[in-house]
Amino acid sequence: PEDVGAEITGHPPLPKVFRWMRESSGLDDDGMLRTFNCGIGMVLIVKADKVAEAKELLRQAGETIVYDLGHLVARRSKSGEQVVMKAPLE
């Protein structure tokens, strides 16, 4: 929705191939995130009170690594960025 934004407050470590691409291309974090998925394969948005349950269901389904990427916020301006990265890529 136009009035919802996402603040990314955590990002998993960049896989080696993405670190190599960043070093080889000279792209900064913004350029990397606009061009590549940087190792994020799937994103689920769940209510805050259901996070633990969702993580457990993912683990039961065979997922071994689950990250908290951030949270949804009210978007301040429709002309601004809808997704704001608050954590550096590492």
N, C-alpha and C. Protein backbone atom coordinates (compact mmCIF):
# COMPACT_ATOMS: atom_id res chain seq x y z
N PRO A 1 0.82 -1.20 0.00
CA PRO A 1 0.00 0.00 0.00
C PRO A 1 0.86 1.26 0.00
N GLU A 2 0.39 2.29 -0.62
CA GLU A 2 1.15 3.54 -0.74
C GLU A 2 1.46 4.20 0.59
N ASP A 3 0.63 3.97 1.60
CA ASP A 3 0.84 4.64 2.89
C ASP A 3 1.65 3.79 3.88
N VAL A 4 2.22 2.68 3.40
CA VAL A 4 3.02 1.80 4.25
C VAL A 4 4.45 1.75 3.72
N GLY A 5 5.39 1.86 4.64
CA GLY A 5 6.80 1.73 4.28
C GLY A 5 7.43 0.62 5.08
N ALA A 6 8.65 0.28 4.70
CA ALA A 6 9.39 -0.75 5.43
C ALA A 6 10.73 -0.18 5.86
N GLU A 7 11.08 -0.42 7.11
CA GLU A 7 12.40 -0.05 7.61
C GLU A 7 13.17 -1.34 7.81
N ILE A 8 14.27 -1.48 7.09
CA ILE A 8 15.12 -2.65 7.19
C ILE A 8 16.18 -2.34 8.24
N THR A 9 16.09 -3.02 9.37
CA THR A 9 16.99 -2.74 10.50
C THR A 9 18.03 -3.83 10.70
N GLY A 10 17.91 -4.89 9.94
CA GLY A 10 18.88 -5.98 10.01
C GLY A 10 18.97 -6.67 8.67
N HIS A 11 20.14 -7.08 8.29
CA HIS A 11 20.34 -7.78 7.03
C HIS A 11 21.32 -8.90 7.29
N PRO A 12 21.05 -10.09 6.76
CA PRO A 12 22.01 -11.18 6.97
C PRO A 12 23.34 -10.85 6.29
N PRO A 13 24.40 -11.50 6.71
CA PRO A 13 25.69 -11.26 6.06
C PRO A 13 25.60 -11.52 4.55
N LEU A 14 26.25 -10.67 3.78
CA LEU A 14 26.24 -10.85 2.34
C LEU A 14 26.94 -12.16 1.97
N PRO A 15 26.32 -12.97 1.12
CA PRO A 15 27.03 -14.14 0.62
C PRO A 15 28.27 -13.71 -0.16
N LYS A 16 29.24 -14.60 -0.25
CA LYS A 16 30.52 -14.28 -0.89
C LYS A 16 30.34 -13.71 -2.29
N VAL A 17 29.44 -14.27 -3.06
CA VAL A 17 29.28 -13.80 -4.44
C VAL A 17 28.83 -12.33 -4.48
N PHE A 18 27.99 -11.92 -3.53
CA PHE A 18 27.55 -10.53 -3.50
C PHE A 18 28.64 -9.60 -2.99
N ARG A 19 29.48 -10.07 -2.06
CA ARG A 19 30.63 -9.26 -1.63
C ARG A 19 31.58 -9.04 -2.81
N TRP A 20 31.81 -10.11 -3.58
CA TRP A 20 32.66 -10.00 -4.77
C TRP A 20 32.06 -9.02 -5.78
N MET A 21 30.74 -9.12 -6.01
CA MET A 21 30.08 -8.22 -6.96
C MET A 21 30.19 -6.77 -6.50
N ARG A 22 30.04 -6.54 -5.20
CA ARG A 22 30.16 -5.17 -4.68
C ARG A 22 31.57 -4.64 -4.89
N GLU A 23 32.56 -5.44 -4.55
CA GLU A 23 33.95 -5.01 -4.71
C GLU A 23 34.30 -4.81 -6.18
N SER A 24 33.85 -5.71 -7.05
CA SER A 24 34.18 -5.63 -8.47
C SER A 24 33.46 -4.48 -9.18
N SER A 25 32.24 -4.21 -8.77
CA SER A 25 31.43 -3.20 -9.46
C SER A 25 31.65 -1.80 -8.90
N GLY A 26 32.07 -1.70 -7.64
CA GLY A 26 32.19 -0.41 -7.00
C GLY A 26 30.86 0.16 -6.54
N LEU A 27 29.79 -0.64 -6.59
CA LEU A 27 28.48 -0.17 -6.13
C LEU A 27 28.47 0.04 -4.63
N ASP A 28 27.78 1.07 -4.17
CA ASP A 28 27.58 1.26 -2.74
C ASP A 28 26.38 0.42 -2.31
N ASP A 29 26.05 0.46 -1.02
CA ASP A 29 24.93 -0.34 -0.51
C ASP A 29 23.64 -0.05 -1.26
N ASP A 30 23.35 1.22 -1.51
CA ASP A 30 22.13 1.60 -2.21
C ASP A 30 22.10 0.98 -3.60
N GLY A 31 23.20 1.07 -4.31
CA GLY A 31 23.28 0.49 -5.65
C GLY A 31 23.13 -1.02 -5.63
N MET A 32 23.74 -1.65 -4.66
CA MET A 32 23.62 -3.10 -4.53
C MET A 32 22.17 -3.51 -4.29
N LEU A 33 21.50 -2.80 -3.38
CA LEU A 33 20.13 -3.16 -3.03
C LEU A 33 19.14 -2.87 -4.15
N ARG A 34 19.43 -1.88 -4.98
CA ARG A 34 18.55 -1.56 -6.11
C ARG A 34 18.75 -2.53 -7.27
N THR A 35 19.92 -3.18 -7.31
CA THR A 35 20.27 -4.03 -8.44
C THR A 35 20.12 -5.52 -8.14
N PHE A 36 20.44 -5.93 -6.93
CA PHE A 36 20.47 -7.35 -6.58
C PHE A 36 19.62 -7.63 -5.34
N ASN A 37 19.23 -8.89 -5.15
CA ASN A 37 18.49 -9.24 -3.94
C ASN A 37 19.41 -9.41 -2.74
N CYS A 38 20.70 -9.43 -2.96
CA CYS A 38 21.73 -9.51 -1.91
C CYS A 38 21.54 -10.70 -0.98
N GLY A 39 21.03 -11.78 -1.53
CA GLY A 39 20.90 -13.01 -0.77
C GLY A 39 19.56 -13.22 -0.08
N ILE A 40 18.67 -12.27 -0.18
CA ILE A 40 17.34 -12.42 0.42
C ILE A 40 16.47 -13.20 -0.56
N GLY A 41 16.11 -14.41 -0.19
CA GLY A 41 15.36 -15.26 -1.11
C GLY A 41 13.86 -15.12 -0.96
N MET A 42 13.39 -14.89 0.24
CA MET A 42 11.95 -14.83 0.49
C MET A 42 11.71 -13.92 1.68
N VAL A 43 10.64 -13.17 1.63
CA VAL A 43 10.27 -12.29 2.74
C VAL A 43 8.83 -12.58 3.13
N LEU A 44 8.62 -12.76 4.42
CA LEU A 44 7.27 -12.91 4.96
C LEU A 44 6.99 -11.72 5.86
N ILE A 45 5.80 -11.19 5.76
CA ILE A 45 5.37 -10.11 6.64
C ILE A 45 4.29 -10.69 7.55
N VAL A 46 4.57 -10.68 8.85
CA VAL A 46 3.63 -11.24 9.81
C VAL A 46 3.41 -10.24 10.94
N LYS A 47 2.29 -10.37 11.60
CA LYS A 47 2.01 -9.53 12.75
C LYS A 47 3.06 -9.79 13.83
N ALA A 48 3.38 -8.73 14.57
CA ALA A 48 4.44 -8.82 15.59
C ALA A 48 4.18 -9.94 16.59
N ASP A 49 2.94 -10.15 16.94
CA ASP A 49 2.65 -11.20 17.94
C ASP A 49 2.66 -12.61 17.35
N LYS A 50 2.91 -12.73 16.06
CA LYS A 50 2.96 -14.04 15.39
C LYS A 50 4.35 -14.40 14.88
N VAL A 51 5.36 -13.56 15.17
CA VAL A 51 6.71 -13.79 14.65
C VAL A 51 7.28 -15.12 15.14
N ALA A 52 7.21 -15.38 16.43
CA ALA A 52 7.77 -16.62 16.97
C ALA A 52 7.08 -17.84 16.36
N GLU A 53 5.78 -17.77 16.22
CA GLU A 53 5.04 -18.89 15.63
C GLU A 53 5.44 -19.09 14.17
N ALA A 54 5.59 -18.00 13.41
CA ALA A 54 5.98 -18.11 12.01
C ALA A 54 7.38 -18.70 11.87
N LYS A 55 8.29 -18.26 12.73
CA LYS A 55 9.66 -18.81 12.70
C LYS A 55 9.66 -20.30 13.00
N GLU A 56 8.88 -20.70 13.97
CA GLU A 56 8.81 -22.12 14.32
C GLU A 56 8.24 -22.94 13.16
N LEU A 57 7.21 -22.44 12.51
CA LEU A 57 6.64 -23.14 11.37
C LEU A 57 7.66 -23.27 10.23
N LEU A 58 8.43 -22.22 10.01
CA LEU A 58 9.48 -22.28 8.98
C LEU A 58 10.53 -23.32 9.34
N ARG A 59 10.92 -23.35 10.59
CA ARG A 59 11.92 -24.34 11.02
C ARG A 59 11.38 -25.76 10.88
N GLN A 60 10.11 -25.96 11.24
CA GLN A 60 9.49 -27.27 11.08
C GLN A 60 9.42 -27.68 9.61
N ALA A 61 9.35 -26.70 8.72
CA ALA A 61 9.29 -26.96 7.28
C ALA A 61 10.68 -27.15 6.68
N GLY A 62 11.73 -27.06 7.52
CA GLY A 62 13.07 -27.32 7.04
C GLY A 62 13.97 -26.12 6.86
N GLU A 63 13.46 -24.91 7.12
CA GLU A 63 14.31 -23.72 7.03
C GLU A 63 15.25 -23.71 8.23
N THR A 64 16.53 -23.54 7.99
CA THR A 64 17.50 -23.57 9.08
C THR A 64 17.93 -22.18 9.52
N ILE A 65 17.78 -21.20 8.64
CA ILE A 65 18.19 -19.83 8.96
C ILE A 65 17.01 -18.89 8.68
N VAL A 66 16.60 -18.16 9.70
CA VAL A 66 15.50 -17.21 9.57
C VAL A 66 15.95 -15.90 10.19
N TYR A 67 15.82 -14.79 9.46
CA TYR A 67 16.27 -13.49 9.93
C TYR A 67 15.08 -12.55 10.13
N ASP A 68 15.21 -11.65 11.10
CA ASP A 68 14.29 -10.52 11.23
C ASP A 68 14.91 -9.38 10.43
N LEU A 69 14.23 -8.94 9.39
CA LEU A 69 14.78 -7.88 8.54
C LEU A 69 14.39 -6.48 9.02
N GLY A 70 13.21 -6.35 9.61
CA GLY A 70 12.78 -5.02 10.03
C GLY A 70 11.30 -5.01 10.33
N HIS A 71 10.67 -3.88 10.05
CA HIS A 71 9.26 -3.74 10.36
C HIS A 71 8.60 -2.74 9.42
N LEU A 72 7.28 -2.79 9.41
CA LEU A 72 6.50 -1.86 8.60
C LEU A 72 6.21 -0.60 9.42
N VAL A 73 6.16 0.52 8.71
CA VAL A 73 5.90 1.81 9.35
C VAL A 73 4.94 2.60 8.48
N ALA A 74 4.32 3.61 9.10
CA ALA A 74 3.51 4.54 8.31
C ALA A 74 4.46 5.33 7.42
N ARG A 75 4.14 5.40 6.16
CA ARG A 75 4.98 6.13 5.21
C ARG A 75 4.73 7.61 5.35
N ARG A 76 5.81 8.37 5.51
CA ARG A 76 5.69 9.81 5.77
C ARG A 76 5.31 10.60 4.53
N SER A 77 5.84 10.19 3.39
CA SER A 77 5.59 10.92 2.16
C SER A 77 5.50 9.94 1.01
N LYS A 78 4.51 10.08 0.18
CA LYS A 78 4.36 9.19 -0.97
C LYS A 78 5.44 9.42 -2.02
N SER A 79 6.14 10.53 -1.94
CA SER A 79 7.20 10.79 -2.91
C SER A 79 8.55 10.27 -2.42
N GLY A 80 8.63 9.86 -1.16
CA GLY A 80 9.88 9.36 -0.61
C GLY A 80 10.04 7.87 -0.84
N GLU A 81 11.14 7.34 -0.34
CA GLU A 81 11.42 5.91 -0.48
C GLU A 81 10.40 5.09 0.31
N GLN A 82 9.96 4.00 -0.28
CA GLN A 82 9.03 3.13 0.41
C GLN A 82 9.76 2.13 1.30
N VAL A 83 10.97 1.79 0.93
CA VAL A 83 11.80 0.90 1.74
C VAL A 83 13.05 1.67 2.14
N VAL A 84 13.31 1.74 3.44
CA VAL A 84 14.45 2.49 3.95
C VAL A 84 15.39 1.51 4.64
N MET A 85 16.62 1.50 4.20
CA MET A 85 17.64 0.62 4.78
C MET A 85 18.30 1.33 5.94
N LYS A 86 18.17 0.79 7.14
CA LYS A 86 18.74 1.39 8.33
C LYS A 86 19.96 0.63 8.84
N ALA A 87 20.35 -0.41 8.11
CA ALA A 87 21.50 -1.23 8.50
C ALA A 87 22.43 -1.38 7.30
N PRO A 88 23.73 -1.32 7.51
CA PRO A 88 24.66 -1.48 6.39
C PRO A 88 24.75 -2.93 5.94
N LEU A 89 25.08 -3.12 4.67
CA LEU A 89 25.37 -4.46 4.18
C LEU A 89 26.76 -4.84 4.66
N GLU A 90 26.88 -6.02 5.19
CA GLU A 90 28.18 -6.48 5.69
C GLU A 90 28.50 -7.84 5.12
